[in-house]
Protein backbone atom coordinates (compact mmCIF):
# COMPACT_ATOMS: atom_id res chain seq x y z
CA UNK A 1 102.56 105.72 106.14
CA UNK A 2 102.31 102.16 108.16
CA UNK A 3 99.49 101.71 105.41
CA UNK A 4 102.02 101.65 102.64
CA UNK A 5 104.35 99.49 104.57
CA UNK A 6 101.74 97.45 104.87
CA UNK A 7 100.82 97.35 101.50
CA UNK A 8 103.64 97.34 100.01
CA UNK A 9 104.62 93.74 102.64
CA UNK A 10 101.29 92.40 100.80
CA UNK A 11 102.38 92.80 97.34
CA UNK A 12 105.53 91.43 98.36
CA UNK A 13 103.79 88.08 99.74
CA UNK A 14 100.98 88.42 96.60
CA UNK A 15 104.05 87.57 93.46
CA UNK A 16 105.91 85.15 95.90
CA UNK A 17 102.25 83.19 96.21
CA UNK A 18 102.59 81.62 92.57
CA UNK A 19 98.57 82.79 91.91
CA UNK A 20 99.17 85.26 89.61
CA UNK A 21 100.26 85.07 86.25
CA UNK A 22 103.24 86.88 84.31
CA UNK A 23 100.84 90.17 83.55
CA UNK A 24 99.79 90.50 87.23
CA UNK A 25 103.28 90.02 88.63
CA UNK A 26 103.73 93.05 86.63
CA UNK A 27 101.44 94.88 87.25
CA UNK A 28 101.88 93.45 91.32
CA UNK A 29 105.80 94.86 90.09
CA UNK A 30 104.90 98.44 89.14
CA UNK A 31 102.33 98.79 92.26
CA UNK A 32 105.91 97.69 94.61
CA UNK A 33 107.63 100.51 93.18
CA UNK A 34 105.32 103.16 93.38
CA UNK A 35 105.16 102.49 96.77
CA UNK A 36 108.40 101.45 97.99
CA UNK A 37 109.04 105.41 96.49
CA UNK A 38 105.46 106.89 98.22
CA UNK A 39 107.09 106.15 101.41
CA UNK A 40 109.84 109.25 100.77
CA UNK A 41 107.04 110.94 98.98
CA UNK A 42 105.60 110.69 103.37
CA UNK A 43 108.39 111.76 104.16
CA UNK A 44 108.71 114.19 102.33
CA UNK A 45 104.94 115.82 102.16
CA UNK A 46 105.61 115.49 106.44
CA UNK A 47 109.10 117.61 106.19
CA UNK A 48 106.36 120.27 104.39
CA UNK A 49 103.90 119.94 106.76
CA UNK A 50 106.31 120.60 109.35
CA UNK A 51 107.61 123.72 107.30
CA UNK A 52 104.12 125.29 106.69
CA UNK A 53 104.80 124.38 103.15
CA UNK A 54 101.42 123.82 102.38
CA UNK A 55 101.83 124.13 98.91
CA UNK A 56 104.51 121.55 98.57
CA UNK A 57 102.57 119.78 101.03
CA UNK A 58 99.55 119.41 99.40
CA UNK A 59 101.72 118.29 95.77
CA UNK A 60 103.15 115.67 97.33
CA UNK A 61 100.10 114.49 98.80
CA UNK A 62 98.69 114.18 95.86
CA UNK A 63 101.54 112.91 94.35
CA UNK A 64 100.44 109.91 96.63
CA UNK A 65 96.72 109.42 95.17
CA UNK A 66 98.18 108.83 92.05
CA UNK A 67 100.56 105.23 93.15
CA UNK A 68 97.14 104.02 94.11
CA UNK A 69 95.30 105.23 91.18
CA UNK A 70 98.65 104.34 88.74
CA UNK A 71 98.63 101.15 90.66
CA UNK A 72 95.09 100.01 90.26
CA UNK A 73 94.48 101.10 86.42
CA UNK A 74 97.64 98.49 85.63
CA UNK A 75 94.84 95.94 86.68
CA UNK A 76 92.06 97.53 84.71
CA UNK A 77 93.84 97.80 81.43
CA UNK A 78 93.14 94.16 81.02
CA UNK A 79 89.61 94.67 80.69
CA UNK A 80 86.93 93.22 83.39
CA UNK A 81 89.50 92.51 86.27
CA UNK A 82 89.60 93.62 90.00
CA UNK A 83 93.28 94.28 91.08
CA UNK A 84 94.29 92.27 94.67
CA UNK A 85 95.14 95.60 95.44
CA UNK A 86 91.39 97.61 95.38
CA UNK A 87 90.69 97.11 98.86
CA UNK A 88 94.50 98.71 100.16
CA UNK A 89 94.23 101.49 97.20
CA UNK A 90 90.52 102.41 97.40
CA UNK A 91 91.62 102.94 101.57
CA UNK A 92 94.96 104.91 100.72
CA UNK A 93 92.69 107.37 97.82
CA UNK A 94 90.43 108.28 100.81
CA UNK A 95 93.15 108.19 103.89
CA UNK A 96 94.65 110.86 101.02
CA UNK A 97 92.34 112.75 100.13
CA UNK A 98 91.30 113.53 103.92
CA UNK A 99 94.64 114.64 104.03
CA UNK A 100 94.22 116.79 101.41
CA UNK A 101 91.25 118.80 102.70
CA UNK A 102 93.39 119.19 105.76
CA UNK A 103 96.22 121.03 104.75
CA UNK A 104 94.14 122.71 102.42
CA UNK A 105 92.09 123.99 105.53
CA UNK A 106 95.36 124.59 107.31
CA UNK A 107 96.56 126.67 103.74
């Protein structure tokens, strides 16, 4: 959850920095919305884990991976351009993949 909150704060900072054009700001805005939604998705996943509803937890955590992938894809649509959030998105994907493995092991 901390990574999602930290990334959301970083996105806000990037948007306010004035370093990005309209296309990038639109991508950042989408990413901010995705990361904001990811907070509740993570809470839902934790609740499912507590209830030992592993299939639901798996589904929720898979949605978290989609957050990072969708955020990254928005920037990649521009062509040969690197997202300013690549590191954070990759880290979220890696952490979520580990959590999914744990959930699958518990199931």
